[in-house]
Amino acid sequence: MLRIRLDGDLQGKGRPRFDTRTGRAYTPGQTRTYESDLRRTAQHAMRTAGLSVITGPVRVCLLAEEEVPESWARWKRDAALLGLIRPTVKPDADNIIKMLDALNSVKHKIAGKQVTEDVVWSDDAVVVEIQFEKHYSVTPGLTVTVTPLNAAPAQITRANQLPNGGATCAS
């Protein structure tokens, strides 16, 4: 299991913008910065855990924690921290989940050579289960927990590569 924690205000993935002069699409600066911070944090967590790039199916649990607004009355702040009031505010769950793209391995060209910068997985296609929760907290941030599953990827070629199995929602 891998746990990645990025403290600070939540940031959802922004829509691509278009430069009308060049006709090219680009990623908004805030999105690039947040993805970069999440990528660096994930690489540090991978190194600390002694893990290499994950290639098999995984479950991902995301816990998005919003800061309780200081302008709220004491009773409302307390209720929010107890989970009795939940953050139905932006960023939306789907845009936070899209930030998982930051955990994909990235290919760069350096001095004419193709170099792969490993992060958590080569592609987020390995994510086969996902859970998302958004709560209020004293400390805002995003926690991503990645758990490898006891299952084989679709690319296996022999029956002897199958694991012993495990319970799923479908079984």
N, C-alpha and C. Protein backbone atom coordinates (compact mmCIF):
# COMPACT_ATOMS: atom_id res chain seq x y z
N MET A 1 0.84 -1.18 0.00
CA MET A 1 0.00 0.00 0.00
C MET A 1 0.89 1.24 0.00
N LEU A 2 0.47 2.24 -0.73
CA LEU A 2 1.20 3.49 -0.83
C LEU A 2 0.28 4.63 -0.42
N ARG A 3 0.77 5.50 0.45
CA ARG A 3 -0.01 6.66 0.89
C ARG A 3 0.72 7.93 0.47
N ILE A 4 0.01 8.80 -0.24
CA ILE A 4 0.56 10.06 -0.73
C ILE A 4 -0.28 11.18 -0.11
N ARG A 5 0.37 12.12 0.54
CA ARG A 5 -0.35 13.24 1.18
C ARG A 5 0.21 14.56 0.65
N LEU A 6 -0.66 15.37 0.05
CA LEU A 6 -0.28 16.70 -0.42
C LEU A 6 -1.09 17.71 0.38
N ASP A 7 -0.42 18.43 1.28
CA ASP A 7 -1.09 19.43 2.10
C ASP A 7 -1.34 20.69 1.29
N GLY A 8 -2.37 21.42 1.69
CA GLY A 8 -2.70 22.69 1.04
C GLY A 8 -4.08 22.66 0.42
N ASP A 9 -4.48 23.80 -0.12
CA ASP A 9 -5.81 23.91 -0.73
C ASP A 9 -5.94 22.93 -1.89
N LEU A 10 -7.14 22.36 -2.02
CA LEU A 10 -7.42 21.43 -3.11
C LEU A 10 -7.46 22.17 -4.44
N GLN A 11 -7.08 21.46 -5.47
CA GLN A 11 -7.11 22.02 -6.82
C GLN A 11 -7.65 20.95 -7.75
N GLY A 12 -8.73 21.25 -8.46
CA GLY A 12 -9.24 20.34 -9.47
C GLY A 12 -8.54 20.60 -10.78
N LYS A 13 -8.58 19.60 -11.66
CA LYS A 13 -7.94 19.76 -12.96
C LYS A 13 -8.75 20.76 -13.78
N GLY A 14 -8.07 21.79 -14.26
CA GLY A 14 -8.74 22.82 -15.05
C GLY A 14 -8.94 22.39 -16.49
N ARG A 15 -9.91 22.98 -17.12
CA ARG A 15 -10.16 22.70 -18.54
C ARG A 15 -9.00 23.24 -19.37
N PRO A 16 -8.69 22.55 -20.47
CA PRO A 16 -7.63 23.08 -21.33
C PRO A 16 -8.04 24.45 -21.88
N ARG A 17 -7.07 25.31 -22.03
CA ARG A 17 -7.28 26.64 -22.60
C ARG A 17 -6.71 26.65 -24.02
N PHE A 18 -7.19 27.59 -24.82
CA PHE A 18 -6.72 27.67 -26.20
C PHE A 18 -6.12 29.04 -26.46
N ASP A 19 -4.96 29.03 -27.08
CA ASP A 19 -4.30 30.26 -27.49
C ASP A 19 -4.82 30.60 -28.87
N THR A 20 -5.57 31.68 -28.99
CA THR A 20 -6.18 32.04 -30.27
C THR A 20 -5.16 32.44 -31.32
N ARG A 21 -3.97 32.90 -30.88
CA ARG A 21 -2.94 33.29 -31.84
C ARG A 21 -2.31 32.07 -32.52
N THR A 22 -2.06 31.02 -31.72
CA THR A 22 -1.37 29.84 -32.27
C THR A 22 -2.33 28.69 -32.56
N GLY A 23 -3.53 28.73 -31.95
CA GLY A 23 -4.49 27.64 -32.14
C GLY A 23 -4.16 26.41 -31.31
N ARG A 24 -3.21 26.54 -30.38
CA ARG A 24 -2.79 25.39 -29.56
C ARG A 24 -3.50 25.40 -28.22
N ALA A 25 -3.72 24.18 -27.71
CA ALA A 25 -4.30 24.02 -26.38
C ALA A 25 -3.17 23.96 -25.36
N TYR A 26 -3.46 24.46 -24.16
CA TYR A 26 -2.47 24.38 -23.09
C TYR A 26 -3.19 24.16 -21.76
N THR A 27 -2.46 23.63 -20.79
CA THR A 27 -2.99 23.38 -19.46
C THR A 27 -2.81 24.63 -18.62
N PRO A 28 -3.86 25.06 -17.89
CA PRO A 28 -3.74 26.25 -17.05
C PRO A 28 -2.60 26.12 -16.03
N GLY A 29 -1.99 27.22 -15.69
CA GLY A 29 -0.83 27.23 -14.80
C GLY A 29 -1.10 26.63 -13.43
N GLN A 30 -2.26 26.91 -12.82
CA GLN A 30 -2.57 26.35 -11.51
C GLN A 30 -2.64 24.83 -11.55
N THR A 31 -3.20 24.29 -12.63
CA THR A 31 -3.28 22.84 -12.79
C THR A 31 -1.89 22.26 -12.93
N ARG A 32 -1.04 22.88 -13.76
CA ARG A 32 0.33 22.38 -13.95
C ARG A 32 1.10 22.38 -12.63
N THR A 33 0.95 23.44 -11.85
CA THR A 33 1.65 23.54 -10.58
C THR A 33 1.19 22.46 -9.61
N TYR A 34 -0.13 22.27 -9.48
CA TYR A 34 -0.67 21.28 -8.55
C TYR A 34 -0.25 19.87 -8.99
N GLU A 35 -0.34 19.58 -10.29
CA GLU A 35 0.08 18.26 -10.79
C GLU A 35 1.56 18.03 -10.50
N SER A 36 2.37 19.05 -10.69
CA SER A 36 3.80 18.94 -10.43
C SER A 36 4.07 18.66 -8.95
N ASP A 37 3.37 19.38 -8.07
CA ASP A 37 3.53 19.15 -6.63
C ASP A 37 3.10 17.74 -6.25
N LEU A 38 1.96 17.28 -6.80
CA LEU A 38 1.47 15.93 -6.52
C LEU A 38 2.44 14.88 -7.05
N ARG A 39 2.99 15.11 -8.24
CA ARG A 39 3.95 14.17 -8.84
C ARG A 39 5.20 14.06 -7.97
N ARG A 40 5.76 15.19 -7.54
CA ARG A 40 6.96 15.17 -6.69
C ARG A 40 6.69 14.47 -5.36
N THR A 41 5.52 14.74 -4.77
CA THR A 41 5.15 14.11 -3.51
C THR A 41 5.02 12.60 -3.69
N ALA A 42 4.41 12.18 -4.79
CA ALA A 42 4.24 10.75 -5.08
C ALA A 42 5.60 10.06 -5.32
N GLN A 43 6.49 10.72 -6.05
CA GLN A 43 7.82 10.14 -6.28
C GLN A 43 8.57 9.96 -4.97
N HIS A 44 8.45 10.94 -4.08
CA HIS A 44 9.10 10.84 -2.77
C HIS A 44 8.50 9.68 -1.97
N ALA A 45 7.18 9.54 -2.00
CA ALA A 45 6.51 8.44 -1.29
C ALA A 45 6.93 7.08 -1.85
N MET A 46 7.06 7.00 -3.17
CA MET A 46 7.50 5.74 -3.81
C MET A 46 8.93 5.39 -3.38
N ARG A 47 9.83 6.38 -3.41
CA ARG A 47 11.22 6.14 -2.99
C ARG A 47 11.29 5.72 -1.53
N THR A 48 10.54 6.44 -0.67
CA THR A 48 10.54 6.14 0.77
C THR A 48 10.03 4.73 1.03
N ALA A 49 9.01 4.30 0.28
CA ALA A 49 8.44 2.97 0.46
C ALA A 49 9.26 1.89 -0.25
N GLY A 50 10.25 2.31 -1.05
CA GLY A 50 11.07 1.34 -1.78
C GLY A 50 10.31 0.63 -2.88
N LEU A 51 9.34 1.30 -3.48
CA LEU A 51 8.50 0.68 -4.51
C LEU A 51 8.96 1.08 -5.91
N SER A 52 8.68 0.19 -6.85
CA SER A 52 8.91 0.54 -8.25
C SER A 52 7.54 0.75 -8.91
N VAL A 53 7.54 1.13 -10.17
CA VAL A 53 6.31 1.44 -10.89
C VAL A 53 5.32 0.28 -10.79
N ILE A 54 4.09 0.59 -10.47
CA ILE A 54 3.05 -0.42 -10.32
C ILE A 54 2.50 -0.77 -11.70
N THR A 55 2.43 -2.08 -12.00
CA THR A 55 1.97 -2.51 -13.32
C THR A 55 0.66 -3.28 -13.28
N GLY A 56 0.24 -3.71 -12.10
CA GLY A 56 -1.00 -4.49 -11.99
C GLY A 56 -2.16 -3.65 -11.52
N PRO A 57 -3.34 -4.26 -11.45
CA PRO A 57 -4.55 -3.55 -11.03
C PRO A 57 -4.45 -3.00 -9.61
N VAL A 58 -5.01 -1.80 -9.40
CA VAL A 58 -4.97 -1.16 -8.08
C VAL A 58 -6.32 -0.57 -7.71
N ARG A 59 -6.49 -0.41 -6.40
CA ARG A 59 -7.61 0.34 -5.83
C ARG A 59 -7.04 1.68 -5.39
N VAL A 60 -7.74 2.77 -5.68
CA VAL A 60 -7.30 4.10 -5.26
C VAL A 60 -8.39 4.71 -4.39
N CYS A 61 -7.99 5.18 -3.22
CA CYS A 61 -8.90 5.89 -2.33
C CYS A 61 -8.39 7.33 -2.23
N LEU A 62 -9.26 8.28 -2.51
CA LEU A 62 -8.90 9.69 -2.41
C LEU A 62 -9.69 10.33 -1.28
N LEU A 63 -8.99 11.03 -0.41
CA LEU A 63 -9.62 11.78 0.67
C LEU A 63 -9.26 13.25 0.45
N ALA A 64 -10.26 14.03 0.05
CA ALA A 64 -10.07 15.46 -0.19
C ALA A 64 -10.58 16.21 1.03
N GLU A 65 -9.70 16.99 1.64
CA GLU A 65 -10.06 17.71 2.85
C GLU A 65 -10.02 19.22 2.62
N GLU A 66 -11.19 19.83 2.78
CA GLU A 66 -11.34 21.28 2.62
C GLU A 66 -11.18 21.95 3.98
N GLU A 67 -10.62 23.13 3.98
CA GLU A 67 -10.52 23.89 5.23
C GLU A 67 -11.89 24.47 5.57
N VAL A 68 -12.23 24.42 6.86
CA VAL A 68 -13.50 24.99 7.32
C VAL A 68 -13.39 26.52 7.22
N PRO A 69 -14.34 27.17 6.58
CA PRO A 69 -14.29 28.64 6.47
C PRO A 69 -14.24 29.31 7.84
N GLU A 70 -13.31 30.24 8.01
CA GLU A 70 -13.16 30.96 9.27
C GLU A 70 -14.38 31.83 9.58
N SER A 71 -15.11 32.21 8.56
CA SER A 71 -16.27 33.08 8.75
C SER A 71 -17.46 32.35 9.38
N TRP A 72 -17.42 31.02 9.42
CA TRP A 72 -18.53 30.27 9.98
C TRP A 72 -18.59 30.42 11.49
N ALA A 73 -19.80 30.35 12.02
CA ALA A 73 -20.02 30.37 13.47
C ALA A 73 -19.37 29.13 14.09
N ARG A 74 -19.04 29.24 15.35
CA ARG A 74 -18.37 28.13 16.08
C ARG A 74 -19.15 26.82 15.96
N TRP A 75 -20.47 26.87 16.16
CA TRP A 75 -21.28 25.65 16.10
C TRP A 75 -21.21 24.99 14.72
N LYS A 76 -21.17 25.84 13.68
CA LYS A 76 -21.14 25.31 12.32
C LYS A 76 -19.77 24.72 12.01
N ARG A 77 -18.71 25.36 12.48
CA ARG A 77 -17.34 24.84 12.30
C ARG A 77 -17.20 23.48 12.99
N ASP A 78 -17.71 23.39 14.23
CA ASP A 78 -17.64 22.13 14.98
C ASP A 78 -18.40 21.02 14.26
N ALA A 79 -19.60 21.36 13.76
CA ALA A 79 -20.41 20.37 13.04
C ALA A 79 -19.69 19.90 11.77
N ALA A 80 -19.02 20.82 11.08
CA ALA A 80 -18.28 20.46 9.87
C ALA A 80 -17.14 19.51 10.19
N LEU A 81 -16.41 19.79 11.27
CA LEU A 81 -15.28 18.94 11.65
C LEU A 81 -15.75 17.56 12.14
N LEU A 82 -16.98 17.46 12.61
CA LEU A 82 -17.55 16.18 13.02
C LEU A 82 -18.13 15.40 11.83
N GLY A 83 -18.14 16.03 10.66
CA GLY A 83 -18.68 15.38 9.47
C GLY A 83 -20.18 15.53 9.31
N LEU A 84 -20.78 16.39 10.12
CA LEU A 84 -22.22 16.61 10.03
C LEU A 84 -22.57 17.59 8.91
N ILE A 85 -21.59 18.35 8.46
CA ILE A 85 -21.73 19.23 7.30
C ILE A 85 -20.60 18.84 6.35
N ARG A 86 -20.94 18.59 5.10
CA ARG A 86 -19.93 18.18 4.13
C ARG A 86 -19.74 19.26 3.07
N PRO A 87 -18.53 19.35 2.50
CA PRO A 87 -18.22 20.42 1.53
C PRO A 87 -18.81 20.16 0.15
N THR A 88 -19.95 20.77 -0.11
CA THR A 88 -20.57 20.68 -1.43
C THR A 88 -20.15 21.91 -2.24
N VAL A 89 -18.84 22.12 -2.29
CA VAL A 89 -18.24 23.27 -2.97
C VAL A 89 -17.22 22.78 -3.97
N LYS A 90 -16.80 23.67 -4.85
CA LYS A 90 -15.74 23.33 -5.80
C LYS A 90 -14.41 23.23 -5.08
N PRO A 91 -13.48 22.43 -5.52
CA PRO A 91 -13.50 21.70 -6.78
C PRO A 91 -14.37 20.45 -6.72
N ASP A 92 -14.95 20.10 -7.86
CA ASP A 92 -15.80 18.93 -7.99
C ASP A 92 -14.97 17.66 -7.85
N ALA A 93 -15.64 16.58 -7.43
CA ALA A 93 -14.98 15.29 -7.27
C ALA A 93 -14.31 14.84 -8.56
N ASP A 94 -15.00 14.95 -9.70
CA ASP A 94 -14.42 14.45 -10.95
C ASP A 94 -13.16 15.20 -11.34
N ASN A 95 -13.10 16.50 -11.05
CA ASN A 95 -11.90 17.26 -11.40
C ASN A 95 -10.74 16.95 -10.46
N ILE A 96 -11.03 16.60 -9.21
CA ILE A 96 -9.97 16.18 -8.29
C ILE A 96 -9.45 14.81 -8.72
N ILE A 97 -10.36 13.91 -9.08
CA ILE A 97 -9.96 12.57 -9.54
C ILE A 97 -9.08 12.65 -10.78
N LYS A 98 -9.37 13.60 -11.66
CA LYS A 98 -8.56 13.76 -12.89
C LYS A 98 -7.12 14.12 -12.56
N MET A 99 -6.87 14.63 -11.36
CA MET A 99 -5.50 14.95 -10.96
C MET A 99 -4.63 13.69 -10.82
N LEU A 100 -5.27 12.51 -10.83
CA LEU A 100 -4.49 11.26 -10.79
C LEU A 100 -3.57 11.15 -12.01
N ASP A 101 -3.85 11.91 -13.06
CA ASP A 101 -2.96 11.93 -14.23
C ASP A 101 -1.53 12.28 -13.83
N ALA A 102 -1.39 13.03 -12.74
CA ALA A 102 -0.06 13.42 -12.26
C ALA A 102 0.76 12.22 -11.82
N LEU A 103 0.09 11.08 -11.54
CA LEU A 103 0.80 9.89 -11.07
C LEU A 103 1.24 8.98 -12.21
N ASN A 104 0.88 9.35 -13.46
CA ASN A 104 1.33 8.60 -14.63
C ASN A 104 2.81 8.87 -14.88
N SER A 105 3.51 7.87 -15.40
CA SER A 105 4.90 8.09 -15.82
C SER A 105 4.89 9.08 -16.97
N VAL A 106 5.94 9.89 -17.05
CA VAL A 106 6.01 10.95 -18.05
C VAL A 106 7.23 10.72 -18.94
N LYS A 107 7.04 10.89 -20.24
CA LYS A 107 8.16 10.76 -21.19
C LYS A 107 8.66 12.14 -21.56
N HIS A 108 10.00 12.31 -21.52
CA HIS A 108 10.64 13.57 -21.89
C HIS A 108 11.69 13.28 -22.95
N LYS A 109 12.02 14.30 -23.72
CA LYS A 109 13.17 14.21 -24.62
C LYS A 109 14.27 15.06 -24.04
N ILE A 110 15.39 14.42 -23.70
CA ILE A 110 16.53 15.14 -23.17
C ILE A 110 17.73 14.84 -24.07
N ALA A 111 18.28 15.89 -24.64
CA ALA A 111 19.42 15.76 -25.56
C ALA A 111 19.13 14.72 -26.65
N GLY A 112 17.90 14.76 -27.18
CA GLY A 112 17.54 13.87 -28.28
C GLY A 112 17.17 12.46 -27.86
N LYS A 113 17.28 12.14 -26.57
CA LYS A 113 16.95 10.79 -26.09
C LYS A 113 15.61 10.81 -25.37
N GLN A 114 14.82 9.75 -25.61
CA GLN A 114 13.54 9.59 -24.92
C GLN A 114 13.80 9.06 -23.51
N VAL A 115 13.37 9.80 -22.50
CA VAL A 115 13.59 9.42 -21.10
C VAL A 115 12.23 9.33 -20.41
N THR A 116 12.02 8.25 -19.64
CA THR A 116 10.78 8.08 -18.90
C THR A 116 11.01 8.43 -17.44
N GLU A 117 10.19 9.35 -16.94
CA GLU A 117 10.24 9.74 -15.53
C GLU A 117 9.15 8.94 -14.82
N ASP A 118 9.58 7.94 -14.04
CA ASP A 118 8.62 7.08 -13.34
C ASP A 118 7.96 7.83 -12.19
N VAL A 119 6.67 7.57 -12.01
CA VAL A 119 5.95 8.14 -10.89
C VAL A 119 5.36 6.96 -10.12
N VAL A 120 4.05 6.71 -10.20
CA VAL A 120 3.44 5.60 -9.47
C VAL A 120 3.14 4.44 -10.41
N TRP A 121 2.54 4.72 -11.56
CA TRP A 121 2.21 3.71 -12.55
C TRP A 121 2.52 4.25 -13.93
N SER A 122 2.61 3.36 -14.92
CA SER A 122 2.90 3.85 -16.26
C SER A 122 1.67 4.54 -16.86
N ASP A 123 0.48 4.07 -16.51
CA ASP A 123 -0.75 4.68 -17.00
C ASP A 123 -1.86 4.42 -15.98
N ASP A 124 -2.76 5.38 -15.81
CA ASP A 124 -3.81 5.21 -14.81
C ASP A 124 -4.88 4.19 -15.24
N ALA A 125 -4.67 3.51 -16.36
CA ALA A 125 -5.55 2.40 -16.75
C ALA A 125 -5.48 1.27 -15.72
N VAL A 126 -4.42 1.22 -14.90
CA VAL A 126 -4.30 0.17 -13.87
C VAL A 126 -5.28 0.39 -12.72
N VAL A 127 -5.89 1.57 -12.65
CA VAL A 127 -6.87 1.86 -11.59
C VAL A 127 -8.18 1.19 -11.99
N VAL A 128 -8.57 0.15 -11.22
CA VAL A 128 -9.80 -0.59 -11.51
C VAL A 128 -10.86 -0.39 -10.44
N GLU A 129 -10.48 0.20 -9.30
CA GLU A 129 -11.43 0.55 -8.25
C GLU A 129 -11.05 1.92 -7.73
N ILE A 130 -12.08 2.73 -7.45
CA ILE A 130 -11.80 4.07 -6.93
C ILE A 130 -12.85 4.46 -5.89
N GLN A 131 -12.39 5.08 -4.83
CA GLN A 131 -13.28 5.59 -3.79
C GLN A 131 -12.89 7.05 -3.55
N PHE A 132 -13.90 7.91 -3.41
CA PHE A 132 -13.64 9.33 -3.22
C PHE A 132 -14.48 9.84 -2.07
N GLU A 133 -13.86 10.63 -1.18
CA GLU A 133 -14.58 11.29 -0.09
C GLU A 133 -14.07 12.71 0.04
N LYS A 134 -14.99 13.62 0.36
CA LYS A 134 -14.61 15.01 0.59
C LYS A 134 -15.17 15.42 1.95
N HIS A 135 -14.30 15.93 2.82
CA HIS A 135 -14.65 16.31 4.18
C HIS A 135 -14.06 17.68 4.50
N TYR A 136 -14.55 18.27 5.59
CA TYR A 136 -13.91 19.46 6.14
C TYR A 136 -12.85 19.01 7.13
N SER A 137 -11.80 19.82 7.26
CA SER A 137 -10.69 19.48 8.14
C SER A 137 -10.01 20.76 8.61
N VAL A 138 -9.23 20.62 9.67
CA VAL A 138 -8.40 21.73 10.14
C VAL A 138 -7.23 21.91 9.18
N THR A 139 -6.75 20.79 8.63
CA THR A 139 -5.62 20.80 7.70
C THR A 139 -6.09 20.38 6.31
N PRO A 140 -6.24 21.32 5.37
CA PRO A 140 -6.69 20.95 4.03
C PRO A 140 -5.61 20.18 3.28
N GLY A 141 -6.05 19.33 2.37
CA GLY A 141 -5.10 18.59 1.56
C GLY A 141 -5.75 17.41 0.88
N LEU A 142 -4.94 16.69 0.13
CA LEU A 142 -5.39 15.52 -0.61
C LEU A 142 -4.56 14.32 -0.19
N THR A 143 -5.23 13.24 0.19
CA THR A 143 -4.55 11.99 0.51
C THR A 143 -4.97 10.96 -0.52
N VAL A 144 -3.98 10.35 -1.17
CA VAL A 144 -4.23 9.31 -2.16
C VAL A 144 -3.62 8.03 -1.62
N THR A 145 -4.45 7.00 -1.48
CA THR A 145 -3.97 5.70 -1.02
C THR A 145 -4.11 4.71 -2.18
N VAL A 146 -2.99 4.09 -2.55
CA VAL A 146 -2.96 3.15 -3.67
C VAL A 146 -2.71 1.76 -3.10
N THR A 147 -3.63 0.83 -3.38
CA THR A 147 -3.51 -0.53 -2.88
C THR A 147 -3.49 -1.51 -4.05
N PRO A 148 -2.38 -2.23 -4.26
CA PRO A 148 -2.36 -3.25 -5.31
C PRO A 148 -3.38 -4.35 -5.00
N LEU A 149 -4.05 -4.84 -6.01
CA LEU A 149 -5.07 -5.87 -5.84
C LEU A 149 -4.52 -7.24 -6.21
N ASN A 150 -5.11 -8.26 -5.65
CA ASN A 150 -4.72 -9.63 -5.96
C ASN A 150 -5.44 -10.07 -7.22
N ALA A 151 -5.04 -9.47 -8.34
CA ALA A 151 -5.65 -9.76 -9.64
C ALA A 151 -4.60 -9.54 -10.72
N ALA A 152 -4.77 -10.21 -11.83
CA ALA A 152 -3.82 -10.09 -12.94
C ALA A 152 -4.29 -8.99 -13.90
N PRO A 153 -3.35 -8.33 -14.57
CA PRO A 153 -3.75 -7.36 -15.59
C PRO A 153 -4.29 -8.09 -16.82
N ALA A 154 -5.02 -7.39 -17.66
CA ALA A 154 -5.63 -7.98 -18.86
C ALA A 154 -4.58 -8.49 -19.83
N GLN A 155 -3.33 -8.04 -19.70
CA GLN A 155 -2.29 -8.40 -20.66
C GLN A 155 -1.65 -9.77 -20.38
N ILE A 156 -2.14 -10.55 -19.39
CA ILE A 156 -1.51 -11.85 -19.13
C ILE A 156 -1.74 -12.77 -20.32
N THR A 157 -0.83 -13.73 -20.48
CA THR A 157 -0.90 -14.63 -21.64
C THR A 157 -1.03 -16.10 -21.26
N ARG A 158 -0.89 -16.43 -19.98
CA ARG A 158 -0.96 -17.82 -19.56
C ARG A 158 -1.79 -17.95 -18.27
N ALA A 159 -2.50 -19.08 -18.18
CA ALA A 159 -3.34 -19.33 -17.00
C ALA A 159 -2.51 -19.41 -15.72
N ASN A 160 -1.25 -19.82 -15.82
CA ASN A 160 -0.43 -19.95 -14.62
C ASN A 160 0.01 -18.58 -14.08
N GLN A 161 -0.34 -17.52 -14.77
CA GLN A 161 -0.04 -16.17 -14.30
C GLN A 161 -1.17 -15.61 -13.44
N LEU A 162 -2.28 -16.36 -13.33
CA LEU A 162 -3.42 -15.89 -12.55
C LEU A 162 -3.11 -15.97 -11.06
N PRO A 163 -3.56 -14.98 -10.30
CA PRO A 163 -3.39 -15.04 -8.85
C PRO A 163 -4.42 -15.98 -8.23
N ASN A 164 -4.37 -16.14 -6.94
CA ASN A 164 -5.32 -17.00 -6.24
C ASN A 164 -6.72 -16.43 -6.17
N GLY A 165 -6.89 -15.18 -6.53
CA GLY A 165 -8.21 -14.57 -6.56
C GLY A 165 -8.51 -13.77 -5.32
N GLY A 166 -9.69 -13.21 -5.29
CA GLY A 166 -10.11 -12.40 -4.15
C GLY A 166 -11.54 -11.94 -4.38
N ALA A 167 -12.17 -11.51 -3.32
CA ALA A 167 -13.57 -11.09 -3.40
C ALA A 167 -13.67 -9.71 -4.06
N THR A 168 -14.68 -9.54 -4.86
CA THR A 168 -14.96 -8.24 -5.48
C THR A 168 -16.44 -7.95 -5.37
N CYS A 169 -16.86 -6.79 -5.78
CA CYS A 169 -18.29 -6.44 -5.78
C CYS A 169 -19.06 -7.36 -6.71
N ALA A 170 -18.39 -7.82 -7.78
CA ALA A 170 -19.05 -8.63 -8.80
C ALA A 170 -19.19 -10.09 -8.40
N SER A 171 -18.47 -10.54 -7.35
CA SER A 171 -18.54 -11.98 -7.01
C SER A 171 -19.53 -12.28 -5.93
